[in-house]
C-alpha cells in the first residue's frame, strides 16, 4: 500500500543567501524557459501568486519535485532537495512579482 506523506520542512540548515540567489536564478531561467522569462506564460502557463496560492506550499513543492503527468512539466527531484522545492514554492506564493 503506497502512502503519500506531505513534504515537511525538517530541522535542516537554512539555505545560504548564495543558494537562495541560485534558486531565484533557476526560477527565472530554467522555469522561465517554459513559463516565460518573467513567468507570464509561454509553453507552460503563467505563474502569478494568485494561481500559486491555489496550492498548499507542500503541494506546490511536490509539483516542482515530481512534475505534472501528461504535461511538459518535468520533475526536478534529481536537481533540487525538498527544502529547495519548498523555498521555491514559498517564493512563488509570497514573493512573486507578477501580482505587484
PDB file of N, CA and C in Angstrom:
ATOM      1  N   UNK A   1       0.849  -1.178   0.000  1.00  0.00           N
ATOM      2  CA  UNK A   1       0.000   0.000   0.000  1.00  0.00           C
ATOM      3  C   UNK A   1       0.893   1.240   0.000  1.00  0.00           C
ATOM      4  N   UNK A   2       0.708   2.079  -0.964  1.00  0.00           N
ATOM      5  CA  UNK A   2       1.504   3.305  -1.062  1.00  0.00           C
ATOM      6  C   UNK A   2       0.915   4.369  -0.157  1.00  0.00           C
ATOM      7  N   UNK A   3       1.792   5.131   0.437  1.00  0.00           N
ATOM      8  CA  UNK A   3       1.350   6.208   1.325  1.00  0.00           C
ATOM      9  C   UNK A   3       2.034   7.490   0.882  1.00  0.00           C
ATOM     10  N   UNK A   4       1.259   8.499   0.620  1.00  0.00           N
ATOM     11  CA  UNK A   4       1.819   9.789   0.212  1.00  0.00           C
ATOM     12  C   UNK A   4       1.923  10.678   1.438  1.00  0.00           C
ATOM     13  N   UNK A   5       3.129  10.936   1.868  1.00  0.00           N
ATOM     14  CA  UNK A   5       3.345  11.805   3.011  1.00  0.00           C
ATOM     15  C   UNK A   5       3.618  13.216   2.521  1.00  0.00           C
ATOM     16  N   UNK A   6       3.119  14.208   3.221  1.00  0.00           N
ATOM     17  CA  UNK A   6       3.399  15.584   2.800  1.00  0.00           C
ATOM     18  C   UNK A   6       4.870  15.913   2.996  1.00  0.00           C
ATOM     19  N   UNK A   7       5.348  16.839   2.210  1.00  0.00           N
ATOM     20  CA  UNK A   7       6.704  17.327   2.401  1.00  0.00           C
ATOM     21  C   UNK A   7       6.721  18.142   3.680  1.00  0.00           C
ATOM     22  N   UNK A   8       7.631  17.843   4.553  1.00  0.00           N
ATOM     23  CA  UNK A   8       7.715  18.557   5.816  1.00  0.00           C
ATOM     24  C   UNK A   8       9.110  19.132   5.930  1.00  0.00           C
ATOM     25  N   UNK A   9       9.176  20.419   6.138  1.00  0.00           N
ATOM     26  CA  UNK A   9      10.469  21.047   6.333  1.00  0.00           C
ATOM     27  C   UNK A   9      11.033  20.560   7.661  1.00  0.00           C
ATOM     28  N   UNK A  10      12.127  19.823   7.600  1.00  0.00           N
ATOM     29  CA  UNK A  10      12.737  19.296   8.800  1.00  0.00           C
ATOM     30  C   UNK A  10      13.733  20.312   9.317  1.00  0.00           C
ATOM     31  N   UNK A  11      14.236  20.038  10.503  1.00  0.00           N
ATOM     32  CA  UNK A  11      15.214  20.932  11.105  1.00  0.00           C
ATOM     33  C   UNK A  11      16.510  20.820  10.311  1.00  0.00           C
ATOM     34  N   UNK A  12      16.570  21.513   9.208  1.00  0.00           N
ATOM     35  CA  UNK A  12      17.737  21.495   8.341  1.00  0.00           C
ATOM     36  C   UNK A  12      18.455  22.825   8.466  1.00  0.00           C
ATOM     37  N   UNK A  13      19.679  22.811   8.023  1.00  0.00           N
ATOM     38  CA  UNK A  13      20.423  24.056   7.966  1.00  0.00           C
ATOM     39  C   UNK A  13      19.721  24.973   6.974  1.00  0.00           C
ATOM     40  N   UNK A  14      19.458  26.213   7.363  1.00  0.00           N
ATOM     41  CA  UNK A  14      18.798  27.132   6.419  1.00  0.00           C
ATOM     42  C   UNK A  14      19.633  27.285   5.147  1.00  0.00           C
ATOM     43  N   UNK A  15      18.942  27.552   4.057  1.00  0.00           N
ATOM     44  CA  UNK A  15      19.642  27.788   2.797  1.00  0.00           C
ATOM     45  C   UNK A  15      20.480  29.052   2.914  1.00  0.00           C
ATOM     46  N   UNK A  16      21.650  29.017   2.339  1.00  0.00           N
ATOM     47  CA  UNK A  16      22.508  30.200   2.348  1.00  0.00           C
ATOM     48  C   UNK A  16      21.928  31.250   1.410  1.00  0.00           C
ATOM     49  N   UNK A  17      22.309  32.490   1.628  1.00  0.00           N
ATOM     50  CA  UNK A  17      21.865  33.571   0.740  1.00  0.00           C
ATOM     51  C   UNK A  17      22.336  33.297  -0.684  1.00  0.00           C
ATOM     52  N   UNK A  18      23.509  32.705  -0.814  1.00  0.00           N
ATOM     53  CA  UNK A  18      24.034  32.372  -2.142  1.00  0.00           C
ATOM     54  C   UNK A  18      23.149  31.321  -2.817  1.00  0.00           C
ATOM     55  N   UNK A  19      22.735  30.290  -2.061  1.00  0.00           N
ATOM     56  CA  UNK A  19      21.884  29.251  -2.653  1.00  0.00           C
ATOM     57  C   UNK A  19      20.516  29.822  -2.995  1.00  0.00           C
ATOM     58  N   UNK A  20      19.971  30.699  -2.149  1.00  0.00           N
ATOM     59  CA  UNK A  20      18.686  31.332  -2.461  1.00  0.00           C
ATOM     60  C   UNK A  20      18.787  32.128  -3.759  1.00  0.00           C
ATOM     61  N   UNK A  21      19.896  32.826  -3.948  1.00  0.00           N
ATOM     62  CA  UNK A  21      20.097  33.586  -5.191  1.00  0.00           C
ATOM     63  C   UNK A  21      20.181  32.636  -6.389  1.00  0.00           C
ATOM     64  N   UNK A  22      20.842  31.486  -6.210  1.00  0.00           N
ATOM     65  CA  UNK A  22      20.915  30.494  -7.289  1.00  0.00           C
ATOM     66  C   UNK A  22      19.532  29.952  -7.625  1.00  0.00           C
ATOM     67  N   UNK A  23      18.714  29.712  -6.597  1.00  0.00           N
ATOM     68  CA  UNK A  23      17.359  29.204  -6.826  1.00  0.00           C
ATOM     69  C   UNK A  23      16.496  30.239  -7.538  1.00  0.00           C
ATOM     70  N   UNK A  24      16.668  31.508  -7.184  1.00  0.00           N
ATOM     71  CA  UNK A  24      15.903  32.549  -7.869  1.00  0.00           C
ATOM     72  C   UNK A  24      16.319  32.631  -9.341  1.00  0.00           C
ATOM     73  N   UNK A  25      17.609  32.484  -9.609  1.00  0.00           N
ATOM     74  CA  UNK A  25      18.087  32.448 -10.994  1.00  0.00           C
ATOM     75  C   UNK A  25      17.503  31.244 -11.718  1.00  0.00           C
ATOM     76  N   UNK A  26      17.497  30.083 -11.064  1.00  0.00           N
ATOM     77  CA  UNK A  26      16.913  28.881 -11.654  1.00  0.00           C
ATOM     78  C   UNK A  26      15.447  29.119 -11.993  1.00  0.00           C
ATOM     79  N   UNK A  27      14.728  29.768 -11.087  1.00  0.00           N
ATOM     80  CA  UNK A  27      13.308  30.031 -11.303  1.00  0.00           C
ATOM     81  C   UNK A  27      13.084  30.832 -12.581  1.00  0.00           C
ATOM     82  N   UNK A  28      13.821  31.913 -12.743  1.00  0.00           N
ATOM     83  CA  UNK A  28      13.583  32.781 -13.894  1.00  0.00           C
ATOM     84  C   UNK A  28      14.231  32.268 -15.177  1.00  0.00           C
ATOM     85  N   UNK A  29      15.316  31.501 -15.075  1.00  0.00           N
ATOM     86  CA  UNK A  29      15.948  30.994 -16.294  1.00  0.00           C
ATOM     87  C   UNK A  29      15.418  29.619 -16.683  1.00  0.00           C
ATOM     88  N   UNK A  30      15.513  28.660 -15.777  1.00  0.00           N
ATOM     89  CA  UNK A  30      15.107  27.296 -16.123  1.00  0.00           C
ATOM     90  C   UNK A  30      13.593  27.156 -16.167  1.00  0.00           C
ATOM     91  N   UNK A  31      12.903  27.572 -15.118  1.00  0.00           N
ATOM     92  CA  UNK A  31      11.434  27.522 -15.141  1.00  0.00           C
ATOM     93  C   UNK A  31      10.921  28.478 -16.218  1.00  0.00           C
ATOM     94  N   UNK A  32      11.620  29.609 -16.337  1.00  0.00           N
ATOM     95  CA  UNK A  32      11.236  30.610 -17.324  1.00  0.00           C
ATOM     96  C   UNK A  32      11.370  30.150 -18.760  1.00  0.00           C
ATOM     97  N   UNK A  33      12.173  29.108 -19.001  1.00  0.00           N
ATOM     98  CA  UNK A  33      12.294  28.614 -20.373  1.00  0.00           C
ATOM     99  C   UNK A  33      10.967  28.064 -20.880  1.00  0.00           C
ATOM    100  N   UNK A  34      10.100  27.632 -19.983  1.00  0.00           N
ATOM    101  CA  UNK A  34       8.749  27.179 -20.378  1.00  0.00           C
ATOM    102  C   UNK A  34       7.662  28.162 -19.948  1.00  0.00           C
ATOM    103  N   UNK A  35       7.823  28.726 -18.752  1.00  0.00           N
ATOM    104  CA  UNK A  35       6.780  29.600 -18.206  1.00  0.00           C
ATOM    105  C   UNK A  35       6.993  31.066 -18.570  1.00  0.00           C
ATOM    106  N   UNK A  36       7.993  31.346 -19.391  1.00  0.00           N
ATOM    107  CA  UNK A  36       8.313  32.716 -19.777  1.00  0.00           C
ATOM    108  C   UNK A  36       9.339  33.303 -18.825  1.00  0.00           C
ATOM    109  N   UNK A  37      10.269  34.059 -19.346  1.00  0.00           N
ATOM    110  CA  UNK A  37      11.358  34.606 -18.531  1.00  0.00           C
ATOM    111  C   UNK A  37      10.866  35.501 -17.404  1.00  0.00           C
ATOM    112  N   UNK A  38       9.670  36.049 -17.547  1.00  0.00           N
ATOM    113  CA  UNK A  38       9.078  36.839 -16.463  1.00  0.00           C
ATOM    114  C   UNK A  38       7.933  36.076 -15.813  1.00  0.00           C
ATOM    115  N   UNK A  39       7.847  34.775 -16.110  1.00  0.00           N
ATOM    116  CA  UNK A  39       6.831  33.865 -15.563  1.00  0.00           C
ATOM    117  C   UNK A  39       5.420  34.244 -15.980  1.00  0.00           C
ATOM    118  N   UNK A  40       5.310  34.949 -17.102  1.00  0.00           N
ATOM    119  CA  UNK A  40       4.000  35.378 -17.606  1.00  0.00           C
ATOM    120  C   UNK A  40       3.417  34.422 -18.643  1.00  0.00           C
ATOM    121  N   UNK A  41       4.014  33.252 -18.778  1.00  0.00           N
ATOM    122  CA  UNK A  41       3.479  32.241 -19.678  1.00  0.00           C
ATOM    123  C   UNK A  41       4.323  32.066 -20.916  1.00  0.00           C
ATOM    124  N   UNK A  42       4.220  30.905 -21.478  1.00  0.00           N
ATOM    125  CA  UNK A  42       4.944  30.518 -22.684  1.00  0.00           C
ATOM    126  C   UNK A  42       4.410  29.151 -23.058  1.00  0.00           C
ATOM    127  N   UNK A  43       5.292  28.170 -23.170  1.00  0.00           N
ATOM    128  CA  UNK A  43       4.858  26.792 -23.370  1.00  0.00           C
ATOM    129  C   UNK A  43       3.994  26.360 -22.184  1.00  0.00           C
ATOM    130  N   UNK A  44       4.435  26.727 -20.989  1.00  0.00           N
ATOM    131  CA  UNK A  44       3.676  26.453 -19.767  1.00  0.00           C
ATOM    132  C   UNK A  44       2.878  27.682 -19.371  1.00  0.00           C
ATOM    133  N   UNK A  45       1.949  27.531 -18.425  1.00  0.00           N
ATOM    134  CA  UNK A  45       1.113  28.660 -18.013  1.00  0.00           C
ATOM    135  C   UNK A  45       1.890  29.705 -17.215  1.00  0.00           C
ATOM    136  N   UNK A  46       1.299  30.903 -17.104  1.00  0.00           N
ATOM    137  CA  UNK A  46       1.900  31.931 -16.258  1.00  0.00           C
ATOM    138  C   UNK A  46       1.818  31.480 -14.801  1.00  0.00           C
ATOM    139  N   UNK A  47       2.679  32.055 -13.960  1.00  0.00           N
ATOM    140  CA  UNK A  47       2.771  31.627 -12.569  1.00  0.00           C
ATOM    141  C   UNK A  47       2.515  32.772 -11.586  1.00  0.00           C
ATOM    142  N   UNK A  48       1.373  33.445 -11.662  1.00  0.00           N
ATOM    143  CA  UNK A  48       1.110  34.526 -10.713  1.00  0.00           C
ATOM    144  C   UNK A  48       0.838  33.971  -9.312  1.00  0.00           C
ATOM    145  N   UNK A  49       1.069  34.802  -8.317  1.00  0.00           N
ATOM    146  CA  UNK A  49       0.834  34.418  -6.921  1.00  0.00           C
ATOM    147  C   UNK A  49      -0.577  33.893  -6.731  1.00  0.00           C
ATOM    148  N   UNK A  50      -1.554  34.524  -7.353  1.00  0.00           N
ATOM    149  CA  UNK A  50      -2.944  34.098  -7.192  1.00  0.00           C
ATOM    150  C   UNK A  50      -3.132  32.647  -7.636  1.00  0.00           C
ATOM    151  N   UNK A  51      -2.464  32.233  -8.675  1.00  0.00           N
ATOM    152  CA  UNK A  51      -2.552  30.836  -9.125  1.00  0.00           C
ATOM    153  C   UNK A  51      -1.753  29.923  -8.204  1.00  0.00           C
ATOM    154  N   UNK A  52      -0.590  30.375  -7.770  1.00  0.00           N
ATOM    155  CA  UNK A  52       0.268  29.557  -6.912  1.00  0.00           C
ATOM    156  C   UNK A  52      -0.368  29.310  -5.549  1.00  0.00           C
ATOM    157  N   UNK A  53      -1.146  30.279  -5.069  1.00  0.00           N
ATOM    158  CA  UNK A  53      -1.784  30.126  -3.766  1.00  0.00           C
ATOM    159  C   UNK A  53      -3.010  29.227  -3.806  1.00  0.00           C
ATOM    160  N   UNK A  54      -3.367  28.718  -4.984  1.00  0.00           N
ATOM    161  CA  UNK A  54      -4.429  27.712  -5.070  1.00  0.00           C
ATOM    162  C   UNK A  54      -3.925  26.372  -4.534  1.00  0.00           C
ATOM    163  N   UNK A  55      -2.614  26.238  -4.373  1.00  0.00           N
ATOM    164  CA  UNK A  55      -1.983  25.024  -3.860  1.00  0.00           C
ATOM    165  C   UNK A  55      -1.487  25.269  -2.443  1.00  0.00           C
ATOM    166  N   UNK A  56      -1.403  24.211  -1.658  1.00  0.00           N
ATOM    167  CA  UNK A  56      -0.685  24.311  -0.390  1.00  0.00           C
ATOM    168  C   UNK A  56       0.800  24.417  -0.735  1.00  0.00           C
ATOM    169  N   UNK A  57       1.589  24.900   0.194  1.00  0.00           N
ATOM    170  CA  UNK A  57       3.025  25.002  -0.072  1.00  0.00           C
ATOM    171  C   UNK A  57       3.621  23.611  -0.325  1.00  0.00           C
ATOM    172  N   UNK A  58       3.198  22.616   0.456  1.00  0.00           N
ATOM    173  CA  UNK A  58       3.678  21.249   0.244  1.00  0.00           C
ATOM    174  C   UNK A  58       3.249  20.719  -1.118  1.00  0.00           C
ATOM    175  N   UNK A  59       2.015  21.014  -1.515  1.00  0.00           N
ATOM    176  CA  UNK A  59       1.510  20.551  -2.807  1.00  0.00           C
ATOM    177  C   UNK A  59       2.264  21.167  -3.965  1.00  0.00           C
ATOM    178  N   UNK A  60       2.553  22.458  -3.863  1.00  0.00           N
ATOM    179  CA  UNK A  60       3.305  23.136  -4.919  1.00  0.00           C
ATOM    180  C   UNK A  60       4.735  22.605  -4.982  1.00  0.00           C
ATOM    181  N   UNK A  61       5.343  22.382  -3.826  1.00  0.00           N
ATOM    182  CA  UNK A  61       6.695  21.813  -3.799  1.00  0.00           C
ATOM    183  C   UNK A  61       6.706  20.419  -4.423  1.00  0.00           C
ATOM    184  N   UNK A  62       5.662  19.637  -4.178  1.00  0.00           N
ATOM    185  CA  UNK A  62       5.567  18.301  -4.780  1.00  0.00           C
ATOM    186  C   UNK A  62       5.460  18.396  -6.302  1.00  0.00           C
ATOM    187  N   UNK A  63       4.701  19.381  -6.801  1.00  0.00           N
ATOM    188  CA  UNK A  63       4.622  19.584  -8.257  1.00  0.00           C
ATOM    189  C   UNK A  63       5.996  19.921  -8.828  1.00  0.00           C
ATOM    190  N   UNK A  64       6.734  20.746  -8.117  1.00  0.00           N
ATOM    191  CA  UNK A  64       8.073  21.128  -8.563  1.00  0.00           C
ATOM    192  C   UNK A  64       8.982  19.901  -8.587  1.00  0.00           C
ATOM    193  N   UNK A  65       8.922  19.094  -7.552  1.00  0.00           N
ATOM    194  CA  UNK A  65       9.799  17.927  -7.465  1.00  0.00           C
ATOM    195  C   UNK A  65       9.421  16.810  -8.429  1.00  0.00           C
ATOM    196  N   UNK A  66       8.125  16.571  -8.600  1.00  0.00           N
ATOM    197  CA  UNK A  66       7.680  15.390  -9.340  1.00  0.00           C
ATOM    198  C   UNK A  66       7.100  15.693 -10.716  1.00  0.00           C
ATOM    199  N   UNK A  67       6.911  16.960 -11.048  1.00  0.00           N
ATOM    200  CA  UNK A  67       6.361  17.316 -12.345  1.00  0.00           C
ATOM    201  C   UNK A  67       4.865  17.064 -12.415  1.00  0.00           C
ATOM    202  N   UNK A  68       4.303  17.269 -13.588  1.00  0.00           N
ATOM    203  CA  UNK A  68       2.866  17.093 -13.803  1.00  0.00           C
ATOM    204  C   UNK A  68       2.690  16.097 -14.944  1.00  0.00           C
ATOM    205  N   UNK A  69       2.173  14.941 -14.611  1.00  0.00           N
ATOM    206  CA  UNK A  69       1.979  13.883 -15.604  1.00  0.00           C
ATOM    207  C   UNK A  69       1.073  14.370 -16.733  1.00  0.00           C
ATOM    208  N   UNK A  70       1.422  14.001 -17.941  1.00  0.00           N
ATOM    209  CA  UNK A  70       0.620  14.365 -19.102  1.00  0.00           C
ATOM    210  C   UNK A  70       0.888  15.764 -19.622  1.00  0.00           C
ATOM    211  N   UNK A  71       1.885  16.451 -19.030  1.00  0.00           N
ATOM    212  CA  UNK A  71       2.260  17.792 -19.489  1.00  0.00           C
ATOM    213  C   UNK A  71       3.767  17.818 -19.743  1.00  0.00           C
ATOM    214  N   UNK A  72       4.252  18.935 -20.206  1.00  0.00           N
ATOM    215  CA  UNK A  72       5.691  19.099 -20.429  1.00  0.00           C
ATOM    216  C   UNK A  72       6.440  19.433 -19.140  1.00  0.00           C
ATOM    217  N   UNK A  73       5.714  19.569 -18.010  1.00  0.00           N
ATOM    218  CA  UNK A  73       6.347  19.942 -16.737  1.00  0.00           C
ATOM    219  C   UNK A  73       7.134  18.762 -16.177  1.00  0.00           C
ATOM    220  N   UNK A  74       8.480  18.886 -16.169  1.00  0.00           N
ATOM    221  CA  UNK A  74       9.300  17.793 -15.634  1.00  0.00           C
ATOM    222  C   UNK A  74       9.397  17.882 -14.116  1.00  0.00           C
ATOM    223  N   UNK A  75       9.795  16.804 -13.514  1.00  0.00           N
ATOM    224  CA  UNK A  75      10.123  16.820 -12.094  1.00  0.00           C
ATOM    225  C   UNK A  75      11.568  17.255 -11.914  1.00  0.00           C
ATOM    226  N   UNK A  76      11.824  17.947 -10.827  1.00  0.00           N
ATOM    227  CA  UNK A  76      13.165  18.466 -10.560  1.00  0.00           C
ATOM    228  C   UNK A  76      13.829  17.761  -9.381  1.00  0.00           C
ATOM    229  N   UNK A  77      13.276  16.601  -8.970  1.00  0.00           N
ATOM    230  CA  UNK A  77      13.783  15.947  -7.772  1.00  0.00           C
ATOM    231  C   UNK A  77      15.236  15.503  -7.891  1.00  0.00           C
ATOM    232  N   UNK A  78      15.737  15.305  -9.079  1.00  0.00           N
ATOM    233  CA  UNK A  78      17.140  14.946  -9.233  1.00  0.00           C
ATOM    234  C   UNK A  78      18.086  16.118  -9.052  1.00  0.00           C
ATOM    235  N   UNK A  79      17.544  17.330  -9.103  1.00  0.00           N
ATOM    236  CA  UNK A  79      18.372  18.539  -9.018  1.00  0.00           C
ATOM    237  C   UNK A  79      18.103  19.386  -7.786  1.00  0.00           C
ATOM    238  N   UNK A  80      16.938  19.200  -7.173  1.00  0.00           N
ATOM    239  CA  UNK A  80      16.548  20.009  -6.019  1.00  0.00           C
ATOM    240  C   UNK A  80      16.246  19.125  -4.822  1.00  0.00           C
ATOM    241  N   UNK A  81      16.534  19.628  -3.645  1.00  0.00           N
ATOM    242  CA  UNK A  81      16.121  18.950  -2.418  1.00  0.00           C
ATOM    243  C   UNK A  81      14.689  19.369  -2.087  1.00  0.00           C
ATOM    244  N   UNK A  82      14.072  18.669  -1.146  1.00  0.00           N
ATOM    245  CA  UNK A  82      12.734  19.066  -0.702  1.00  0.00           C
ATOM    246  C   UNK A  82      12.765  20.476  -0.130  1.00  0.00           C
ATOM    247  N   UNK A  83      13.810  20.791   0.630  1.00  0.00           N
ATOM    248  CA  UNK A  83      13.944  22.124   1.221  1.00  0.00           C
ATOM    249  C   UNK A  83      14.002  23.193   0.132  1.00  0.00           C
ATOM    250  N   UNK A  84      14.723  22.924  -0.935  1.00  0.00           N
ATOM    251  CA  UNK A  84      14.825  23.890  -2.029  1.00  0.00           C
ATOM    252  C   UNK A  84      13.502  24.032  -2.768  1.00  0.00           C
ATOM    253  N   UNK A  85      12.792  22.922  -2.965  1.00  0.00           N
ATOM    254  CA  UNK A  85      11.474  22.989  -3.610  1.00  0.00           C
ATOM    255  C   UNK A  85      10.499  23.776  -2.744  1.00  0.00           C
ATOM    256  N   UNK A  86      10.575  23.603  -1.433  1.00  0.00           N
ATOM    257  CA  UNK A  86       9.721  24.380  -0.525  1.00  0.00           C
ATOM    258  C   UNK A  86      10.081  25.860  -0.583  1.00  0.00           C
ATOM    259  N   UNK A  87      11.367  26.184  -0.712  1.00  0.00           N
ATOM    260  CA  UNK A  87      11.786  27.583  -0.834  1.00  0.00           C
ATOM    261  C   UNK A  87      11.203  28.184  -2.109  1.00  0.00           C
ATOM    262  N   UNK A  88      11.284  27.435  -3.227  1.00  0.00           N
ATOM    263  CA  UNK A  88      10.717  27.927  -4.486  1.00  0.00           C
ATOM    264  C   UNK A  88       9.209  28.119  -4.367  1.00  0.00           C
ATOM    265  N   UNK A  89       8.525  27.164  -3.736  1.00  0.00           N
ATOM    266  CA  UNK A  89       7.076  27.283  -3.553  1.00  0.00           C
ATOM    267  C   UNK A  89       6.750  28.521  -2.728  1.00  0.00           C
ATOM    268  N   UNK A  90       7.492  28.731  -1.643  1.00  0.00           N
ATOM    269  CA  UNK A  90       7.272  29.912  -0.807  1.00  0.00           C
ATOM    270  C   UNK A  90       7.523  31.183  -1.610  1.00  0.00           C
ATOM    271  N   UNK A  91       8.568  31.185  -2.410  1.00  0.00           N
ATOM    272  CA  UNK A  91       8.887  32.360  -3.228  1.00  0.00           C
ATOM    273  C   UNK A  91       7.756  32.652  -4.218  1.00  0.00           C
ATOM    274  N   UNK A  92       7.248  31.615  -4.869  1.00  0.00           N
ATOM    275  CA  UNK A  92       6.155  31.799  -5.832  1.00  0.00           C
ATOM    276  C   UNK A  92       4.870  32.270  -5.153  1.00  0.00           C
ATOM    277  N   UNK A  93       4.643  31.842  -3.923  1.00  0.00           N
ATOM    278  CA  UNK A  93       3.408  32.193  -3.223  1.00  0.00           C
ATOM    279  C   UNK A  93       3.492  33.529  -2.491  1.00  0.00           C
ATOM    280  N   UNK A  94       4.692  33.944  -2.111  1.00  0.00           N
ATOM    281  CA  UNK A  94       4.795  35.130  -1.256  1.00  0.00           C
ATOM    282  C   UNK A  94       5.651  36.261  -1.798  1.00  0.00           C
ATOM    283  N   UNK A  95       6.587  35.967  -2.671  1.00  0.00           N
ATOM    284  CA  UNK A  95       7.499  36.999  -3.182  1.00  0.00           C
ATOM    285  C   UNK A  95       7.416  37.108  -4.692  1.00  0.00           C
ATOM    286  N   UNK A  96       6.272  36.798  -5.228  1.00  0.00           N
ATOM    287  CA  UNK A  96       6.084  36.725  -6.672  1.00  0.00           C
ATOM    288  C   UNK A  96       5.771  38.110  -7.233  1.00  0.00           C
ATOM    289  N   UNK A  97       6.616  38.634  -8.110  1.00  0.00           N
ATOM    290  CA  UNK A  97       6.400  39.990  -8.628  1.00  0.00           C
ATOM    291  C   UNK A  97       5.245  40.118  -9.616  1.00  0.00           C
ATOM    292  N   UNK A  98       4.675  39.001 -10.084  1.00  0.00           N
ATOM    293  CA  UNK A  98       3.609  39.105 -11.086  1.00  0.00           C
ATOM    294  C   UNK A  98       2.349  39.769 -10.560  1.00  0.00           C
ATOM    295  N   UNK A  99       2.097  39.692  -9.271  1.00  0.00           N
ATOM    296  CA  UNK A  99       0.872  40.258  -8.713  1.00  0.00           C
ATOM    297  C   UNK A  99       1.091  41.634  -8.102  1.00  0.00           C
ATOM    298  N   UNK A 100       2.266  42.202  -8.309  1.00  0.00           N
ATOM    299  CA  UNK A 100       2.539  43.527  -7.728  1.00  0.00           C
ATOM    300  C   UNK A 100       2.154  44.616  -8.692  1.00  0.00           C
TER     301      UNK A 100
END
